[in-house]
Protein backbone atom coordinates (compact mmCIF):
# COMPACT_ATOMS: atom_id res chain seq x y z
CA MET A 1 31.64 -16.16 76.87
CA SER A 2 28.78 -14.82 75.12
CA SER A 3 25.26 -15.05 76.30
CA ASP A 4 24.16 -17.85 73.12
CA GLN A 5 26.81 -20.28 74.72
CA SER A 6 25.50 -20.32 77.99
CA LYS A 7 21.78 -21.25 76.97
CA PRO A 8 21.07 -24.41 75.96
CA THR A 9 19.85 -25.21 72.11
CA THR A 10 16.36 -25.98 73.39
CA GLN A 11 15.75 -22.35 73.96
CA ALA A 12 17.65 -21.12 71.76
CA LEU A 13 16.39 -23.32 68.75
CA TYR A 14 12.74 -21.78 69.94
CA GLU A 15 14.16 -18.39 70.31
CA ARG A 16 14.21 -18.59 66.28
CA ALA A 17 11.14 -20.82 65.95
CA PRO A 18 7.93 -18.83 63.51
CA SER A 19 4.93 -17.12 65.97
CA THR A 20 2.29 -19.04 65.88
CA ARG A 21 1.14 -16.62 63.20
CA GLN A 22 2.80 -16.90 61.09
CA THR A 23 2.88 -20.67 61.12
CA VAL A 24 -0.92 -20.20 60.64
CA LYS A 25 -0.35 -18.45 57.78
CA PHE A 26 1.68 -20.46 56.00
CA LEU A 27 -0.42 -23.41 56.59
CA THR A 28 -3.51 -21.35 55.31
CA ALA A 29 -1.50 -20.34 51.83
CA THR A 30 -0.64 -24.53 51.02
CA THR A 31 -3.62 -25.54 51.21
CA ILE A 32 -5.33 -22.86 49.30
CA GLY A 33 -2.20 -23.30 47.47
CA ALA A 34 -2.63 -27.31 47.23
CA THR A 35 -6.71 -27.04 46.51
CA LEU A 36 -5.87 -24.43 43.65
CA LEU A 37 -3.68 -27.13 41.99
CA PHE A 38 -5.89 -30.04 42.68
CA LEU A 39 -8.80 -28.56 40.58
CA SER A 40 -6.45 -26.73 38.16
CA ALA A 41 -5.63 -30.35 37.27
CA LEU A 42 -9.06 -31.29 37.61
CA THR A 43 -10.01 -29.16 34.90
CA LEU A 44 -7.73 -29.96 32.87
CA THR A 45 -8.63 -34.01 32.90
CA GLY A 46 -11.68 -32.52 32.19
CA THR A 47 -11.14 -30.07 29.24
CA VAL A 48 -8.63 -33.28 28.07
CA LEU A 49 -11.37 -35.78 28.08
CA ALA A 50 -14.28 -33.32 26.74
CA LEU A 51 -12.20 -32.68 23.95
CA ILE A 52 -11.78 -36.75 23.44
CA LEU A 53 -14.73 -37.44 23.79
CA ALA A 54 -16.10 -34.97 21.55
CA THR A 55 -13.03 -34.87 19.06
CA PRO A 56 -15.78 -37.56 16.50
CA VAL A 57 -18.82 -35.26 17.23
CA LEU A 58 -17.02 -32.02 15.64
CA VAL A 59 -15.81 -34.21 12.75
CA LEU A 60 -19.25 -35.84 11.67
CA PHE A 61 -20.80 -32.20 11.17
CA SER A 62 -18.09 -30.41 11.12
CA PRO A 63 -19.53 -29.53 7.52
CA ILE A 64 -21.93 -27.88 9.06
CA LEU A 65 -19.84 -25.94 11.96
CA VAL A 66 -17.14 -25.26 10.16
CA PRO A 67 -19.42 -22.69 7.48
CA ALA A 68 -22.27 -21.93 10.62
CA GLY A 69 -18.73 -20.80 12.68
CA ILE A 70 -17.86 -18.59 9.31
CA VAL A 71 -20.70 -17.11 9.07
CA LEU A 72 -21.24 -16.25 12.74
CA PHE A 73 -17.55 -14.96 12.23
CA LEU A 74 -18.65 -12.80 9.49
CA VAL A 75 -21.74 -11.85 11.35
CA PHE A 76 -19.98 -11.17 14.65
CA ALA A 77 -17.74 -9.14 12.54
CA GLY A 78 -20.20 -6.21 10.50
CA PHE A 79 -22.21 -6.06 13.79
CA CYS A 80 -18.63 -5.05 15.24
CA PHE A 81 -17.30 -2.71 12.34
CA SER A 82 -20.51 -1.17 11.43
CA GLY A 83 -21.42 -0.30 15.98
CA GLY A 84 -18.02 1.48 15.27
CA CYS A 85 -18.72 3.29 12.33
CA GLY A 86 -21.63 4.94 13.95
CA VAL A 87 -19.37 5.24 17.10
CA ALA A 88 -17.38 7.66 14.95
CA ALA A 89 -20.39 9.63 12.87
CA ILE A 90 -21.80 10.37 16.11
CA THR A 91 -18.19 11.39 17.03
CA SER A 92 -17.72 13.95 14.20
CA LEU A 93 -21.52 15.73 14.45
CA SER A 94 -20.92 16.02 17.87
CA TRP A 95 -17.66 18.06 17.25
CA ILE A 96 -18.78 19.43 14.42
CA TYR A 97 -21.75 20.73 16.41
CA SER A 98 -19.89 22.02 19.31
CA TYR A 99 -17.42 23.71 16.81
CA VAL A 100 -20.30 25.64 14.80
CA THR A 101 -21.41 26.81 17.83
CA GLY A 102 -18.15 28.42 19.23
CA LYS A 103 -17.56 26.47 22.02
CA HIS A 104 -14.11 25.65 20.45
CA PRO A 105 -12.97 21.62 20.69
CA PRO A 106 -10.15 19.83 20.22
CA GLY A 107 -9.01 19.93 16.81
CA ALA A 108 -10.35 23.48 16.25
CA ASP A 109 -7.25 25.81 16.20
CA GLN A 110 -5.71 23.41 13.24
CA LEU A 111 -9.02 23.17 11.72
CA ASP A 112 -8.63 27.28 11.56
CA TYR A 113 -5.06 27.86 10.55
CA ALA A 114 -5.07 25.09 7.38
CA ARG A 115 -8.82 26.37 6.59
CA MET A 116 -7.03 29.80 6.13
CA LYS A 117 -3.96 27.86 4.90
CA ILE A 118 -5.87 26.43 1.71
CA ALA A 119 -7.79 29.99 1.09
CA GLY A 120 -5.08 31.77 1.57
CA THR A 121 -2.88 29.50 -1.07
CA ALA A 122 -6.81 29.52 -3.50
CA ARG A 123 -6.29 33.42 -3.57
CA ASP A 124 -2.57 33.14 -4.56
CA MET A 125 -3.23 30.80 -7.16
CA THR A 126 -6.20 32.84 -7.96
CA GLU A 127 -4.69 35.77 -8.96
CA ARG A 128 -1.64 33.27 -10.92
CA ALA A 129 -4.10 32.56 -12.72
CA LYS A 130 -5.22 35.73 -13.71
CA GLU A 131 -1.71 36.79 -14.25
CA TYR A 132 -1.34 33.75 -16.46
CA GLY A 133 -3.96 34.72 -18.61
CA GLN A 134 -3.79 38.57 -19.44
CA SER A 135 0.07 37.53 -19.77
CA VAL A 136 -1.65 34.70 -22.95
CA GLN A 137 -4.22 36.74 -23.64
CA HIS A 138 -1.28 39.83 -24.75
CA MET A 139 0.94 36.93 -26.17
CA GLY A 140 -1.92 36.05 -28.44
CA GLN A 141 -2.98 39.62 -29.60
CA SER A 142 0.84 40.39 -29.97
CA ASP A 143 1.39 37.44 -32.16
CA SER A 144 -1.89 38.62 -34.80
CA THR A 145 -0.50 42.29 -34.86
CA THR A 146 2.87 40.45 -36.06
CA THR A 147 1.02 38.50 -38.49
CA ARG A 148 -0.72 41.16 -40.07
CA LEU A 149 1.83 42.55 -40.14
CA THR A 150 4.05 40.77 -41.87
CA SER A 151 1.03 39.56 -44.65
């Protein structure tokens, strides 16, 4: 026979029962959870009652409150946009200062590469324009010479 079957039922249940520490943890968690659930229900009830009581006041004052809210929103948006532009300007100036003083900020290699590429393209275009101007001038001289000969 196995050892479980030889023990009385009450002793087997006692061995499987949770410890005192586990019981205290469970009771504490249950108490805190119930308290928070009660507080959230109380807050929801208070919010609904406040909304019910404030609705007539909001309807009466809406011709004043709506434009005031729009103005406040626009003022807030303007300050945020202005602050963002200021931060962007300070960051740009700081980067330019670091670049000019030779501290090699992030992206300086890309800027140098783009500057060299643009300078090379500008040099090529200048040479092409000179060549084109010379060919047009040469064609103009040859055209004027042939018209003089034919006349």
